[in-house]
Amino acid sequence: MDELENIKPDEKEKPPIWMVSFADVTALTLTFFVLLFSMSTFKINEFIAVTSSLSVTNNPSSNINPLPTSDRAIDQKKEIQALPIDYVYQLLSSKIKTAKYNDVAFIEKKEHVIVLTLSDKTLFESGSFNLSRNAQQLIFGLVPILNSFGNQIDVIGHVSPKPDDQAENRTVWDVSLLRALTVSRALTNGGYNKKLSILGNADGFFNDLDPSLSLAQKQTLGKRVDIIIRSSASGQ
């Protein structure tokens, strides 16, 4: 101990120069990571304020009085989807082509629906609402095709704005509905086993026909029954 105390300060062993540099680098690295950590830390007060405002927005006050509902109000329910329209269109058009119904049944795919059109000349005997023999065979052949999927089907009757559509003192609404009823009954009697919606549109859609068609062609197509296949499931 006496010998160590007698050593002069200049004669004591000094640390190597690299250790000083290493200590500086270590200190700077530690400072760098502390800075990163401080920047990544949540600002608790601001975070609580934001979450509180969101919770108020998503959970309205129970003091708000709900609007009165009518006993006759229709409940808004999400429709159950059936087979995709594109798939049904391919299936239906293929079977119609195979059964050679192309000349009497015209199929068209629109947004969310498929329209199968049966003209008045194809369906009914002249001057009556009795189905022709060919129409009965056609509808009987369509039943197994329509039964093969569960999509909602509407039967809609149309007329053209001509006097002969109002024979026997019937209005255009009467005529269009009678056409739809006749086809829907034939489908049911032929074995169609799902619910149908039956509508009469009178001549309301006559002006929606292709404008490139002649008036005579429009008059012919105006008198028709459309079978509408929708994307939703039957019975809704």
C-alpha atoms as a PDB file:
ATOM      1  CA  MET A   1       0.000   0.000   0.000  1.00  0.00           C
ATOM      2  CA  ASP A   2       2.811   2.379   0.809  1.00  0.00           C
ATOM      3  CA  GLU A   3       4.392   1.713  -2.565  1.00  0.00           C
ATOM      4  CA  LEU A   4       1.117   2.517  -4.407  1.00  0.00           C
ATOM      5  CA  GLU A   5       0.720   5.719  -2.448  1.00  0.00           C
ATOM      6  CA  ASN A   6       4.247   6.787  -3.333  1.00  0.00           C
ATOM      7  CA  ILE A   7       3.580   6.465  -7.125  1.00  0.00           C
ATOM      8  CA  LYS A   8       3.205   9.861  -8.723  1.00  0.00           C
ATOM      9  CA  PRO A   9      -0.026  10.673 -10.575  1.00  0.00           C
ATOM     10  CA  ASP A  10       1.790  10.912 -13.908  1.00  0.00           C
ATOM     11  CA  GLU A  11       3.246   7.453 -13.415  1.00  0.00           C
ATOM     12  CA  LYS A  12      -0.183   5.709 -12.830  1.00  0.00           C
ATOM     13  CA  GLU A  13      -1.468   3.429 -15.689  1.00  0.00           C
ATOM     14  CA  LYS A  14      -3.801   5.277 -18.065  1.00  0.00           C
ATOM     15  CA  PRO A  15      -6.750   3.593 -19.867  1.00  0.00           C
ATOM     16  CA  PRO A  16      -6.172   2.846 -23.557  1.00  0.00           C
ATOM     17  CA  ILE A  17      -7.399   5.487 -26.005  1.00  0.00           C
ATOM     18  CA  TRP A  18      -9.906   3.130 -27.716  1.00  0.00           C
ATOM     19  CA  MET A  19     -11.864   2.748 -24.495  1.00  0.00           C
ATOM     20  CA  VAL A  20     -12.657   6.458 -24.467  1.00  0.00           C
ATOM     21  CA  SER A  21     -14.003   6.265 -28.000  1.00  0.00           C
ATOM     22  CA  PHE A  22     -16.000   3.119 -27.151  1.00  0.00           C
ATOM     23  CA  ALA A  23     -17.567   4.815 -24.129  1.00  0.00           C
ATOM     24  CA  ASP A  24     -18.577   7.802 -26.279  1.00  0.00           C
ATOM     25  CA  VAL A  25     -20.136   5.582 -28.932  1.00  0.00           C
ATOM     26  CA  THR A  26     -22.008   3.561 -26.277  1.00  0.00           C
ATOM     27  CA  ALA A  27     -23.376   6.717 -24.682  1.00  0.00           C
ATOM     28  CA  LEU A  28     -24.485   8.119 -28.052  1.00  0.00           C
ATOM     29  CA  THR A  29     -26.117   4.802 -29.017  1.00  0.00           C
ATOM     30  CA  LEU A  30     -27.996   4.648 -25.722  1.00  0.00           C
ATOM     31  CA  THR A  31     -29.159   8.230 -26.236  1.00  0.00           C
ATOM     32  CA  PHE A  32     -30.328   7.370 -29.734  1.00  0.00           C
ATOM     33  CA  PHE A  33     -32.449   4.439 -28.560  1.00  0.00           C
ATOM     34  CA  VAL A  34     -33.884   6.459 -25.682  1.00  0.00           C
ATOM     35  CA  LEU A  35     -34.900   9.102 -28.235  1.00  0.00           C
ATOM     36  CA  LEU A  36     -36.554   6.477 -30.442  1.00  0.00           C
ATOM     37  CA  PHE A  37     -38.429   5.069 -27.484  1.00  0.00           C
ATOM     38  CA  SER A  38     -39.662   8.493 -26.413  1.00  0.00           C
ATOM     39  CA  MET A  39     -40.930   9.185 -29.928  1.00  0.00           C
ATOM     40  CA  SER A  40     -42.793   5.852 -30.132  1.00  0.00           C
ATOM     41  CA  THR A  41     -44.523   6.191 -26.766  1.00  0.00           C
ATOM     42  CA  PHE A  42     -48.271   6.991 -26.864  1.00  0.00           C
ATOM     43  CA  LYS A  43     -49.404  10.343 -25.640  1.00  0.00           C
ATOM     44  CA  ILE A  44     -51.815   8.912 -23.128  1.00  0.00           C
ATOM     45  CA  ASN A  45     -53.928  12.018 -22.627  1.00  0.00           C
ATOM     46  CA  GLU A  46     -54.510  12.539 -26.336  1.00  0.00           C
ATOM     47  CA  PHE A  47     -55.206   8.829 -26.868  1.00  0.00           C
ATOM     48  CA  ILE A  48     -57.827   8.799 -24.100  1.00  0.00           C
ATOM     49  CA  ALA A  49     -59.476  11.900 -25.559  1.00  0.00           C
ATOM     50  CA  VAL A  50     -59.746  10.309 -29.032  1.00  0.00           C
ATOM     51  CA  THR A  51     -61.121   6.983 -27.785  1.00  0.00           C
ATOM     52  CA  SER A  52     -63.648   8.776 -25.603  1.00  0.00           C
ATOM     53  CA  SER A  53     -64.993  10.759 -28.563  1.00  0.00           C
ATOM     54  CA  LEU A  54     -65.268   7.571 -30.645  1.00  0.00           C
ATOM     55  CA  SER A  55     -67.154   5.741 -27.938  1.00  0.00           C
ATOM     56  CA  VAL A  56     -69.631   8.605 -27.689  1.00  0.00           C
ATOM     57  CA  THR A  57     -70.182   8.581 -31.468  1.00  0.00           C
ATOM     58  CA  ASN A  58     -70.712   4.811 -31.740  1.00  0.00           C
ATOM     59  CA  ASN A  59     -72.974   4.597 -28.702  1.00  0.00           C
ATOM     60  CA  PRO A  60     -75.641   7.278 -28.924  1.00  0.00           C
ATOM     61  CA  SER A  61     -77.274   8.420 -25.756  1.00  0.00           C
ATOM     62  CA  SER A  62     -80.099   6.244 -24.515  1.00  0.00           C
ATOM     63  CA  ASN A  63     -82.069   9.427 -23.828  1.00  0.00           C
ATOM     64  CA  ILE A  64     -82.822   9.817 -27.548  1.00  0.00           C
ATOM     65  CA  ASN A  65     -86.425   8.855 -28.163  1.00  0.00           C
ATOM     66  CA  PRO A  66     -86.835   6.383 -31.061  1.00  0.00           C
ATOM     67  CA  LEU A  67     -89.187   7.271 -33.911  1.00  0.00           C
ATOM     68  CA  PRO A  68     -92.658   5.740 -33.597  1.00  0.00           C
ATOM     69  CA  THR A  69     -93.321   2.719 -35.778  1.00  0.00           C
ATOM     70  CA  SER A  70     -96.594   1.896 -37.462  1.00  0.00           C
ATOM     71  CA  ASP A  71     -98.378  -1.408 -37.006  1.00  0.00           C
ATOM     72  CA  ARG A  72     -98.398  -1.658 -40.800  1.00  0.00           C
ATOM     73  CA  ALA A  73     -94.718  -0.861 -41.242  1.00  0.00           C
ATOM     74  CA  ILE A  74     -92.744  -3.416 -43.241  1.00  0.00           C
ATOM     75  CA  ASP A  75     -89.704  -4.790 -41.476  1.00  0.00           C
ATOM     76  CA  GLN A  76     -86.477  -4.129 -43.332  1.00  0.00           C
ATOM     77  CA  LYS A  77     -84.700  -7.456 -43.640  1.00  0.00           C
ATOM     78  CA  LYS A  78     -81.634  -8.364 -45.553  1.00  0.00           C
ATOM     79  CA  GLU A  79     -82.471 -10.445 -48.591  1.00  0.00           C
ATOM     80  CA  ILE A  80     -81.157 -13.992 -48.692  1.00  0.00           C
ATOM     81  CA  GLN A  81     -79.222 -14.492 -51.896  1.00  0.00           C
ATOM     82  CA  ALA A  82     -79.837 -17.530 -54.090  1.00  0.00           C
ATOM     83  CA  LEU A  83     -77.764 -18.757 -57.050  1.00  0.00           C
ATOM     84  CA  PRO A  84     -75.666 -16.057 -58.789  1.00  0.00           C
ATOM     85  CA  ILE A  85     -77.456 -14.433 -61.714  1.00  0.00           C
ATOM     86  CA  ASP A  86     -74.580 -15.122 -64.134  1.00  0.00           C
ATOM     87  CA  TYR A  87     -74.721 -18.849 -63.317  1.00  0.00           C
ATOM     88  CA  VAL A  88     -78.523 -18.982 -63.617  1.00  0.00           C
ATOM     89  CA  TYR A  89     -78.343 -17.195 -66.975  1.00  0.00           C
ATOM     90  CA  GLN A  90     -75.846 -19.725 -68.354  1.00  0.00           C
ATOM     91  CA  LEU A  91     -77.934 -22.624 -67.010  1.00  0.00           C
ATOM     92  CA  LEU A  92     -81.231 -21.279 -68.318  1.00  0.00           C
ATOM     93  CA  SER A  93     -79.982 -20.180 -71.737  1.00  0.00           C
ATOM     94  CA  SER A  94     -78.245 -23.541 -72.243  1.00  0.00           C
ATOM     95  CA  LYS A  95     -81.369 -25.532 -71.384  1.00  0.00           C
ATOM     96  CA  ILE A  96     -83.609 -23.321 -73.529  1.00  0.00           C
ATOM     97  CA  LYS A  97     -81.239 -23.797 -76.447  1.00  0.00           C
ATOM     98  CA  THR A  98     -81.130 -27.556 -75.876  1.00  0.00           C
ATOM     99  CA  ALA A  99     -84.934 -27.736 -75.709  1.00  0.00           C
ATOM    100  CA  LYS A 100     -85.164 -25.632 -78.908  1.00  0.00           C
ATOM    101  CA  TYR A 101     -87.225 -22.856 -77.310  1.00  0.00           C
ATOM    102  CA  ASN A 102     -85.083 -20.071 -78.785  1.00  0.00           C
ATOM    103  CA  ASP A 103     -87.720 -19.063 -81.324  1.00  0.00           C
ATOM    104  CA  VAL A 104     -90.490 -18.600 -78.759  1.00  0.00           C
ATOM    105  CA  ALA A 105     -88.708 -17.717 -75.506  1.00  0.00           C
ATOM    106  CA  PHE A 106     -86.275 -14.805 -75.473  1.00  0.00           C
ATOM    107  CA  ILE A 107     -83.826 -14.521 -72.588  1.00  0.00           C
ATOM    108  CA  GLU A 108     -81.904 -11.399 -71.561  1.00  0.00           C
ATOM    109  CA  LYS A 109     -79.588 -10.752 -68.609  1.00  0.00           C
ATOM    110  CA  LYS A 110     -79.854  -7.348 -66.986  1.00  0.00           C
ATOM    111  CA  GLU A 111     -78.438  -5.945 -63.766  1.00  0.00           C
ATOM    112  CA  HIS A 112     -79.419  -8.318 -60.916  1.00  0.00           C
ATOM    113  CA  VAL A 113     -82.218  -9.969 -62.947  1.00  0.00           C
ATOM    114  CA  ILE A 114     -82.851 -12.294 -65.883  1.00  0.00           C
ATOM    115  CA  VAL A 115     -85.815 -11.561 -68.154  1.00  0.00           C
ATOM    116  CA  LEU A 116     -87.438 -14.488 -69.973  1.00  0.00           C
ATOM    117  CA  THR A 117     -89.923 -13.055 -72.483  1.00  0.00           C
ATOM    118  CA  LEU A 118     -92.870 -15.012 -73.931  1.00  0.00           C
ATOM    119  CA  SER A 119     -94.769 -13.179 -76.660  1.00  0.00           C
ATOM    120  CA  ASP A 120     -98.552 -13.039 -76.846  1.00  0.00           C
ATOM    121  CA  LYS A 121     -98.550 -14.902 -80.181  1.00  0.00           C
ATOM    122  CA  THR A 122     -96.563 -17.709 -78.592  1.00  0.00           C
ATOM    123  CA  LEU A 123     -98.772 -18.003 -75.516  1.00  0.00           C
ATOM    124  CA  PHE A 124    -102.424 -17.456 -76.366  1.00  0.00           C
ATOM    125  CA  GLU A 125    -104.992 -18.494 -78.878  1.00  0.00           C
ATOM    126  CA  SER A 126    -106.194 -15.648 -81.049  1.00  0.00           C
ATOM    127  CA  GLY A 127    -108.620 -13.346 -79.231  1.00  0.00           C
ATOM    128  CA  SER A 128    -108.584 -15.240 -75.922  1.00  0.00           C
ATOM    129  CA  PHE A 129    -106.576 -15.873 -72.774  1.00  0.00           C
ATOM    130  CA  ASN A 130    -106.474 -19.631 -73.263  1.00  0.00           C
ATOM    131  CA  LEU A 131    -102.985 -21.013 -73.694  1.00  0.00           C
ATOM    132  CA  SER A 132    -102.260 -22.568 -77.033  1.00  0.00           C
ATOM    133  CA  ARG A 133    -101.106 -26.183 -77.219  1.00  0.00           C
ATOM    134  CA  ASN A 134     -97.576 -25.069 -78.070  1.00  0.00           C
ATOM    135  CA  ALA A 135     -97.582 -22.680 -75.095  1.00  0.00           C
ATOM    136  CA  GLN A 136     -98.664 -25.461 -72.734  1.00  0.00           C
ATOM    137  CA  GLN A 137     -95.812 -27.654 -73.976  1.00  0.00           C
ATOM    138  CA  LEU A 138     -93.392 -24.730 -73.626  1.00  0.00           C
ATOM    139  CA  ILE A 139     -94.370 -23.940 -70.035  1.00  0.00           C
ATOM    140  CA  PHE A 140     -94.425 -27.633 -69.109  1.00  0.00           C
ATOM    141  CA  GLY A 141     -90.854 -27.847 -70.417  1.00  0.00           C
ATOM    142  CA  LEU A 142     -89.796 -24.700 -68.513  1.00  0.00           C
ATOM    143  CA  VAL A 143     -91.026 -25.967 -65.116  1.00  0.00           C
ATOM    144  CA  PRO A 144     -88.161 -28.421 -64.387  1.00  0.00           C
ATOM    145  CA  ILE A 145     -85.684 -25.743 -65.493  1.00  0.00           C
ATOM    146  CA  LEU A 146     -87.180 -23.148 -63.136  1.00  0.00           C
ATOM    147  CA  ASN A 147     -87.457 -25.704 -60.314  1.00  0.00           C
ATOM    148  CA  SER A 148     -83.721 -26.424 -60.539  1.00  0.00           C
ATOM    149  CA  PHE A 149     -82.796 -23.209 -58.717  1.00  0.00           C
ATOM    150  CA  GLY A 150     -84.343 -21.347 -55.778  1.00  0.00           C
ATOM    151  CA  ASN A 151     -84.309 -17.765 -57.058  1.00  0.00           C
ATOM    152  CA  GLN A 152     -87.336 -15.528 -56.704  1.00  0.00           C
ATOM    153  CA  ILE A 153     -89.506 -15.486 -59.832  1.00  0.00           C
ATOM    154  CA  ASP A 154     -91.977 -12.769 -60.843  1.00  0.00           C
ATOM    155  CA  VAL A 155     -94.534 -13.222 -63.616  1.00  0.00           C
ATOM    156  CA  ILE A 156     -95.364  -9.856 -65.197  1.00  0.00           C
ATOM    157  CA  GLY A 157     -97.996  -9.224 -67.873  1.00  0.00           C
ATOM    158  CA  HIS A 158     -97.698  -6.411 -70.438  1.00  0.00           C
ATOM    159  CA  VAL A 159     -99.922  -4.925 -73.123  1.00  0.00           C
ATOM    160  CA  SER A 160     -99.422  -2.532 -76.007  1.00  0.00           C
ATOM    161  CA  PRO A 161    -101.441   0.679 -76.121  1.00  0.00           C
ATOM    162  CA  LYS A 162    -103.849  -0.512 -78.823  1.00  0.00           C
ATOM    163  CA  PRO A 163    -107.647  -0.828 -78.721  1.00  0.00           C
ATOM    164  CA  ASP A 164    -107.597  -4.611 -79.290  1.00  0.00           C
ATOM    165  CA  ASP A 165    -105.880  -5.023 -75.911  1.00  0.00           C
ATOM    166  CA  GLN A 166    -108.991  -3.594 -74.257  1.00  0.00           C
ATOM    167  CA  ALA A 167    -111.529  -5.968 -75.773  1.00  0.00           C
ATOM    168  CA  GLU A 168    -114.654  -6.982 -73.855  1.00  0.00           C
ATOM    169  CA  ASN A 169    -114.566  -3.738 -71.830  1.00  0.00           C
ATOM    170  CA  ARG A 170    -111.386  -4.773 -70.079  1.00  0.00           C
ATOM    171  CA  THR A 171    -108.806  -2.151 -69.138  1.00  0.00           C
ATOM    172  CA  VAL A 172    -105.140  -2.505 -70.029  1.00  0.00           C
ATOM    173  CA  TRP A 173    -104.507  -3.362 -66.355  1.00  0.00           C
ATOM    174  CA  ASP A 174    -107.066  -6.189 -66.491  1.00  0.00           C
ATOM    175  CA  VAL A 175    -105.520  -7.612 -69.660  1.00  0.00           C
ATOM    176  CA  SER A 176    -101.942  -7.504 -68.389  1.00  0.00           C
ATOM    177  CA  LEU A 177    -102.890  -9.136 -65.091  1.00  0.00           C
ATOM    178  CA  LEU A 178    -104.933 -11.849 -66.833  1.00  0.00           C
ATOM    179  CA  ARG A 179    -101.921 -12.726 -68.976  1.00  0.00           C
ATOM    180  CA  ALA A 180     -99.685 -13.005 -65.924  1.00  0.00           C
ATOM    181  CA  LEU A 181    -102.275 -15.050 -64.004  1.00  0.00           C
ATOM    182  CA  THR A 182    -102.738 -17.482 -66.903  1.00  0.00           C
ATOM    183  CA  VAL A 183     -98.991 -18.152 -67.180  1.00  0.00           C
ATOM    184  CA  SER A 184     -98.510 -18.442 -63.411  1.00  0.00           C
ATOM    185  CA  ARG A 185    -101.358 -20.962 -63.145  1.00  0.00           C
ATOM    186  CA  ALA A 186     -99.867 -22.991 -65.980  1.00  0.00           C
ATOM    187  CA  LEU A 187     -96.509 -23.019 -64.182  1.00  0.00           C
ATOM    188  CA  THR A 188     -98.144 -24.146 -60.922  1.00  0.00           C
ATOM    189  CA  ASN A 189    -100.255 -26.800 -62.643  1.00  0.00           C
ATOM    190  CA  GLY A 190     -97.146 -27.998 -64.444  1.00  0.00           C
ATOM    191  CA  GLY A 191     -95.384 -28.661 -61.144  1.00  0.00           C
ATOM    192  CA  TYR A 192     -93.611 -25.444 -60.219  1.00  0.00           C
ATOM    193  CA  ASN A 193     -93.268 -25.793 -56.433  1.00  0.00           C
ATOM    194  CA  LYS A 194     -92.128 -22.351 -55.229  1.00  0.00           C
ATOM    195  CA  LYS A 195     -93.853 -19.041 -54.589  1.00  0.00           C
ATOM    196  CA  LEU A 196     -94.540 -16.679 -57.489  1.00  0.00           C
ATOM    197  CA  SER A 197     -95.152 -12.943 -57.579  1.00  0.00           C
ATOM    198  CA  ILE A 198     -97.807 -11.974 -60.145  1.00  0.00           C
ATOM    199  CA  LEU A 199     -97.977  -8.436 -61.531  1.00  0.00           C
ATOM    200  CA  GLY A 200     -99.799  -6.563 -64.281  1.00  0.00           C
ATOM    201  CA  ASN A 201     -97.880  -3.610 -65.712  1.00  0.00           C
ATOM    202  CA  ALA A 202    -100.406  -2.575 -68.392  1.00  0.00           C
ATOM    203  CA  ASP A 203     -98.597  -0.565 -71.089  1.00  0.00           C
ATOM    204  CA  GLY A 204     -96.310   1.192 -68.604  1.00  0.00           C
ATOM    205  CA  PHE A 205     -93.127  -0.224 -70.120  1.00  0.00           C
ATOM    206  CA  PHE A 206     -94.095   0.124 -73.774  1.00  0.00           C
ATOM    207  CA  ASN A 207     -91.846   3.174 -74.268  1.00  0.00           C
ATOM    208  CA  ASP A 208     -88.889   1.239 -72.809  1.00  0.00           C
ATOM    209  CA  LEU A 209     -88.766  -1.094 -75.815  1.00  0.00           C
ATOM    210  CA  ASP A 210     -85.830  -0.824 -78.196  1.00  0.00           C
ATOM    211  CA  PRO A 211     -86.271   2.514 -80.036  1.00  0.00           C
ATOM    212  CA  SER A 212     -84.745   1.031 -83.183  1.00  0.00           C
ATOM    213  CA  LEU A 213     -87.782  -1.256 -83.606  1.00  0.00           C
ATOM    214  CA  SER A 214     -90.665  -0.303 -85.863  1.00  0.00           C
ATOM    215  CA  LEU A 215     -94.051   0.526 -84.378  1.00  0.00           C
ATOM    216  CA  ALA A 216     -95.460  -2.803 -85.592  1.00  0.00           C
ATOM    217  CA  GLN A 217     -92.621  -4.695 -83.889  1.00  0.00           C
ATOM    218  CA  LYS A 218     -93.168  -2.717 -80.687  1.00  0.00           C
ATOM    219  CA  GLN A 219     -96.883  -3.501 -80.794  1.00  0.00           C
ATOM    220  CA  THR A 220     -96.071  -7.208 -81.094  1.00  0.00           C
ATOM    221  CA  LEU A 221     -93.491  -7.187 -78.280  1.00  0.00           C
ATOM    222  CA  GLY A 222     -95.700  -4.986 -76.108  1.00  0.00           C
ATOM    223  CA  LYS A 223     -98.165  -7.874 -75.750  1.00  0.00           C
ATOM    224  CA  ARG A 224     -96.102 -10.320 -73.738  1.00  0.00           C
ATOM    225  CA  VAL A 225     -95.461 -12.010 -70.406  1.00  0.00           C
ATOM    226  CA  ASP A 226     -92.064 -11.628 -68.728  1.00  0.00           C
ATOM    227  CA  ILE A 227     -90.734 -14.198 -66.284  1.00  0.00           C
ATOM    228  CA  ILE A 228     -88.254 -12.320 -64.081  1.00  0.00           C
ATOM    229  CA  ILE A 229     -85.611 -14.339 -62.219  1.00  0.00           C
ATOM    230  CA  ARG A 230     -84.063 -12.345 -59.377  1.00  0.00           C
ATOM    231  CA  SER A 231     -80.861 -12.774 -57.360  1.00  0.00           C
ATOM    232  CA  SER A 232     -82.736 -13.159 -54.066  1.00  0.00           C
ATOM    233  CA  ALA A 233     -84.102 -16.465 -52.809  1.00  0.00           C
ATOM    234  CA  SER A 234     -87.710 -17.437 -53.395  1.00  0.00           C
ATOM    235  CA  GLY A 235     -90.374 -16.653 -50.776  1.00  0.00           C
ATOM    236  CA  GLN A 236     -89.010 -13.339 -49.462  1.00  0.00           C
END
